[in-house]
Amino acid sequence: MEWEFIAPMVITIVFFVVTGGVIILRPLSKRAADLLELYARDRESGLVGGLGKVREVLETVDARLRLLEERQDFTERLLGEDRLGEARRLQDSAGGTTSKLSGPPGGSDGSSVSDRVSG
């Protein structure tokens, strides 16, 4: 066989194979590109949605922390008023003398507040 006959046959076969491949693979590749684009959009919106969820959770935690701070302040004020009232009552019962109370009632030595004030 001579090259004058083989070369045109090879070129013709390659032309038909390439044309057929393009005709068949172009719609498939276009569909694959569309799917990849949808996947990228979904992933991006998932990140944005995830950030929104994190923001909501942080706002909820912030609100609960504020409420906890308010409750703690209220409790501290209540306990502070109770301690001041108790100290005033002890001073009044001791005859108006000023005494410094240290530590919790009952003390570390086992004595009570009234024992420390009167004794």
C-alpha atoms as a PDB file:
ATOM      1  CA  MET A   1       0.000   0.000   0.000  1.00  0.00           C
ATOM      2  CA  GLU A   2       1.142   3.387  -0.782  1.00  0.00           C
ATOM      3  CA  TRP A   3       0.960   6.507   1.326  1.00  0.00           C
ATOM      4  CA  GLU A   4      -1.205   8.273  -1.228  1.00  0.00           C
ATOM      5  CA  PHE A   5      -4.105   5.941  -0.366  1.00  0.00           C
ATOM      6  CA  ILE A   6      -3.455   5.448   3.355  1.00  0.00           C
ATOM      7  CA  ALA A   7      -3.063   9.112   4.342  1.00  0.00           C
ATOM      8  CA  PRO A   8      -6.478  10.266   3.028  1.00  0.00           C
ATOM      9  CA  MET A   9      -8.187   7.256   4.687  1.00  0.00           C
ATOM     10  CA  VAL A  10      -6.525   7.984   8.053  1.00  0.00           C
ATOM     11  CA  ILE A  11      -7.405  11.673   7.809  1.00  0.00           C
ATOM     12  CA  THR A  12     -11.020  10.823   6.909  1.00  0.00           C
ATOM     13  CA  ILE A  13     -11.341   8.326   9.786  1.00  0.00           C
ATOM     14  CA  VAL A  14      -9.804  10.774  12.283  1.00  0.00           C
ATOM     15  CA  PHE A  15     -12.143  13.525  11.014  1.00  0.00           C
ATOM     16  CA  PHE A  16     -15.236  11.356  11.534  1.00  0.00           C
ATOM     17  CA  VAL A  17     -14.088  10.124  14.939  1.00  0.00           C
ATOM     18  CA  VAL A  18     -13.346  13.653  16.150  1.00  0.00           C
ATOM     19  CA  THR A  19     -16.614  15.009  14.736  1.00  0.00           C
ATOM     20  CA  GLY A  20     -18.594  12.160  16.303  1.00  0.00           C
ATOM     21  CA  GLY A  21     -16.783  12.652  19.610  1.00  0.00           C
ATOM     22  CA  VAL A  22     -17.584  16.349  19.636  1.00  0.00           C
ATOM     23  CA  ILE A  23     -21.220  15.712  18.726  1.00  0.00           C
ATOM     24  CA  ILE A  24     -21.590  13.083  21.456  1.00  0.00           C
ATOM     25  CA  LEU A  25     -19.371  14.568  24.187  1.00  0.00           C
ATOM     26  CA  ARG A  26     -20.383  18.246  23.887  1.00  0.00           C
ATOM     27  CA  PRO A  27     -23.844  17.802  25.483  1.00  0.00           C
ATOM     28  CA  LEU A  28     -22.356  15.558  28.162  1.00  0.00           C
ATOM     29  CA  SER A  29     -19.627  18.048  29.000  1.00  0.00           C
ATOM     30  CA  LYS A  30     -22.140  20.906  28.997  1.00  0.00           C
ATOM     31  CA  ARG A  31     -24.359  19.000  31.431  1.00  0.00           C
ATOM     32  CA  ALA A  32     -21.339  18.225  33.623  1.00  0.00           C
ATOM     33  CA  ALA A  33     -20.417  21.938  33.641  1.00  0.00           C
ATOM     34  CA  ASP A  34     -23.986  22.850  34.652  1.00  0.00           C
ATOM     35  CA  LEU A  35     -23.909  20.323  37.478  1.00  0.00           C
ATOM     36  CA  LEU A  36     -20.565  21.657  38.704  1.00  0.00           C
ATOM     37  CA  GLU A  37     -21.948  25.196  38.638  1.00  0.00           C
ATOM     38  CA  LEU A  38     -25.008  24.131  40.653  1.00  0.00           C
ATOM     39  CA  TYR A  39     -22.770  22.319  43.110  1.00  0.00           C
ATOM     40  CA  ALA A  40     -20.613  25.437  43.512  1.00  0.00           C
ATOM     41  CA  ARG A  41     -23.689  27.643  44.062  1.00  0.00           C
ATOM     42  CA  ASP A  42     -25.135  25.203  46.583  1.00  0.00           C
ATOM     43  CA  ARG A  43     -21.859  25.042  48.423  1.00  0.00           C
ATOM     44  CA  GLU A  44     -21.558  28.842  48.462  1.00  0.00           C
ATOM     45  CA  SER A  45     -25.110  29.301  49.693  1.00  0.00           C
ATOM     46  CA  GLY A  46     -24.449  26.615  52.289  1.00  0.00           C
ATOM     47  CA  LEU A  47     -21.550  28.665  53.611  1.00  0.00           C
ATOM     48  CA  VAL A  48     -23.660  31.805  53.705  1.00  0.00           C
ATOM     49  CA  GLY A  49     -26.485  29.884  55.377  1.00  0.00           C
ATOM     50  CA  GLY A  50     -23.999  28.411  57.840  1.00  0.00           C
ATOM     51  CA  LEU A  51     -22.760  31.889  58.720  1.00  0.00           C
ATOM     52  CA  GLY A  52     -26.340  32.981  59.274  1.00  0.00           C
ATOM     53  CA  LYS A  53     -26.925  30.065  61.623  1.00  0.00           C
ATOM     54  CA  VAL A  54     -23.737  30.851  63.541  1.00  0.00           C
ATOM     55  CA  ARG A  55     -24.829  34.488  63.818  1.00  0.00           C
ATOM     56  CA  GLU A  56     -28.234  33.420  65.195  1.00  0.00           C
ATOM     57  CA  VAL A  57     -26.623  31.121  67.746  1.00  0.00           C
ATOM     58  CA  LEU A  58     -24.243  33.874  68.867  1.00  0.00           C
ATOM     59  CA  GLU A  59     -27.136  36.318  69.252  1.00  0.00           C
ATOM     60  CA  THR A  60     -29.015  33.767  71.350  1.00  0.00           C
ATOM     61  CA  VAL A  61     -25.968  33.151  73.541  1.00  0.00           C
ATOM     62  CA  ASP A  62     -25.476  36.910  73.898  1.00  0.00           C
ATOM     63  CA  ALA A  63     -29.094  37.398  74.988  1.00  0.00           C
ATOM     64  CA  ARG A  64     -28.838  34.585  77.517  1.00  0.00           C
ATOM     65  CA  LEU A  65     -25.561  35.973  78.863  1.00  0.00           C
ATOM     66  CA  ARG A  66     -27.137  39.416  79.321  1.00  0.00           C
ATOM     67  CA  LEU A  67     -30.041  37.840  81.192  1.00  0.00           C
ATOM     68  CA  LEU A  68     -27.608  35.919  83.389  1.00  0.00           C
ATOM     69  CA  GLU A  69     -25.672  39.119  84.138  1.00  0.00           C
ATOM     70  CA  GLU A  70     -28.882  40.906  85.120  1.00  0.00           C
ATOM     71  CA  ARG A  71     -29.837  38.065  87.429  1.00  0.00           C
ATOM     72  CA  GLN A  72     -26.388  38.003  88.991  1.00  0.00           C
ATOM     73  CA  ASP A  73     -26.444  41.769  89.574  1.00  0.00           C
ATOM     74  CA  PHE A  74     -29.877  41.482  91.170  1.00  0.00           C
ATOM     75  CA  THR A  75     -28.704  38.654  93.418  1.00  0.00           C
ATOM     76  CA  GLU A  76     -25.579  40.549  94.451  1.00  0.00           C
ATOM     77  CA  ARG A  77     -27.641  43.626  95.313  1.00  0.00           C
ATOM     78  CA  LEU A  78     -30.072  41.512  97.309  1.00  0.00           C
ATOM     79  CA  LEU A  79     -27.267  39.795  99.206  1.00  0.00           C
ATOM     80  CA  GLY A  80     -25.492  43.106  99.763  1.00  0.00           C
ATOM     81  CA  GLU A  81     -28.633  44.676 101.242  1.00  0.00           C
ATOM     82  CA  ASP A  82     -29.148  41.603 103.433  1.00  0.00           C
ATOM     83  CA  ARG A  83     -25.584  41.789 104.744  1.00  0.00           C
ATOM     84  CA  LEU A  84     -25.883  45.523 105.453  1.00  0.00           C
ATOM     85  CA  GLY A  85     -29.156  44.971 107.282  1.00  0.00           C
ATOM     86  CA  GLU A  86     -27.645  42.160 109.350  1.00  0.00           C
ATOM     87  CA  ALA A  87     -24.619  44.256 110.252  1.00  0.00           C
ATOM     88  CA  ARG A  88     -26.853  47.150 111.331  1.00  0.00           C
ATOM     89  CA  ARG A  89     -28.979  44.846 113.464  1.00  0.00           C
ATOM     90  CA  LEU A  90     -25.864  43.449 115.133  1.00  0.00           C
ATOM     91  CA  GLN A  91     -24.537  46.921 115.802  1.00  0.00           C
ATOM     92  CA  ASP A  92     -27.857  47.988 117.280  1.00  0.00           C
ATOM     93  CA  SER A  93     -28.030  44.913 119.519  1.00  0.00           C
ATOM     94  CA  ALA A  94     -24.425  45.415 120.653  1.00  0.00           C
ATOM     95  CA  GLY A  95     -25.204  48.874 121.926  1.00  0.00           C
ATOM     96  CA  GLY A  96     -24.175  50.918 118.922  1.00  0.00           C
ATOM     97  CA  THR A  97     -20.513  49.965 118.960  1.00  0.00           C
ATOM     98  CA  THR A  98     -18.912  49.573 115.597  1.00  0.00           C
ATOM     99  CA  SER A  99     -17.299  46.260 115.032  1.00  0.00           C
ATOM    100  CA  LYS A 100     -15.725  44.848 111.958  1.00  0.00           C
ATOM    101  CA  LEU A 101     -17.137  41.549 110.829  1.00  0.00           C
ATOM    102  CA  SER A 102     -14.863  39.343 108.841  1.00  0.00           C
ATOM    103  CA  GLY A 103     -15.695  36.114 107.117  1.00  0.00           C
ATOM    104  CA  PRO A 104     -18.962  34.291 106.810  1.00  0.00           C
ATOM    105  CA  PRO A 105     -21.363  33.727 109.693  1.00  0.00           C
ATOM    106  CA  GLY A 106     -20.013  30.925 111.809  1.00  0.00           C
ATOM    107  CA  GLY A 107     -16.427  32.023 111.163  1.00  0.00           C
ATOM    108  CA  SER A 108     -13.420  29.830 110.673  1.00  0.00           C
ATOM    109  CA  ASP A 109     -12.958  29.249 114.418  1.00  0.00           C
ATOM    110  CA  GLY A 110     -16.461  27.831 114.829  1.00  0.00           C
ATOM    111  CA  SER A 111     -17.872  30.854 116.649  1.00  0.00           C
ATOM    112  CA  SER A 112     -21.072  32.491 115.537  1.00  0.00           C
ATOM    113  CA  VAL A 113     -21.497  36.137 114.620  1.00  0.00           C
ATOM    114  CA  SER A 114     -23.211  36.921 117.912  1.00  0.00           C
ATOM    115  CA  ASP A 115     -20.302  35.323 119.850  1.00  0.00           C
ATOM    116  CA  ARG A 116     -17.781  37.517 118.009  1.00  0.00           C
ATOM    117  CA  VAL A 117     -19.820  40.689 118.550  1.00  0.00           C
ATOM    118  CA  SER A 118     -20.613  40.134 122.225  1.00  0.00           C
ATOM    119  CA  GLY A 119     -17.387  38.456 123.180  1.00  0.00           C
END
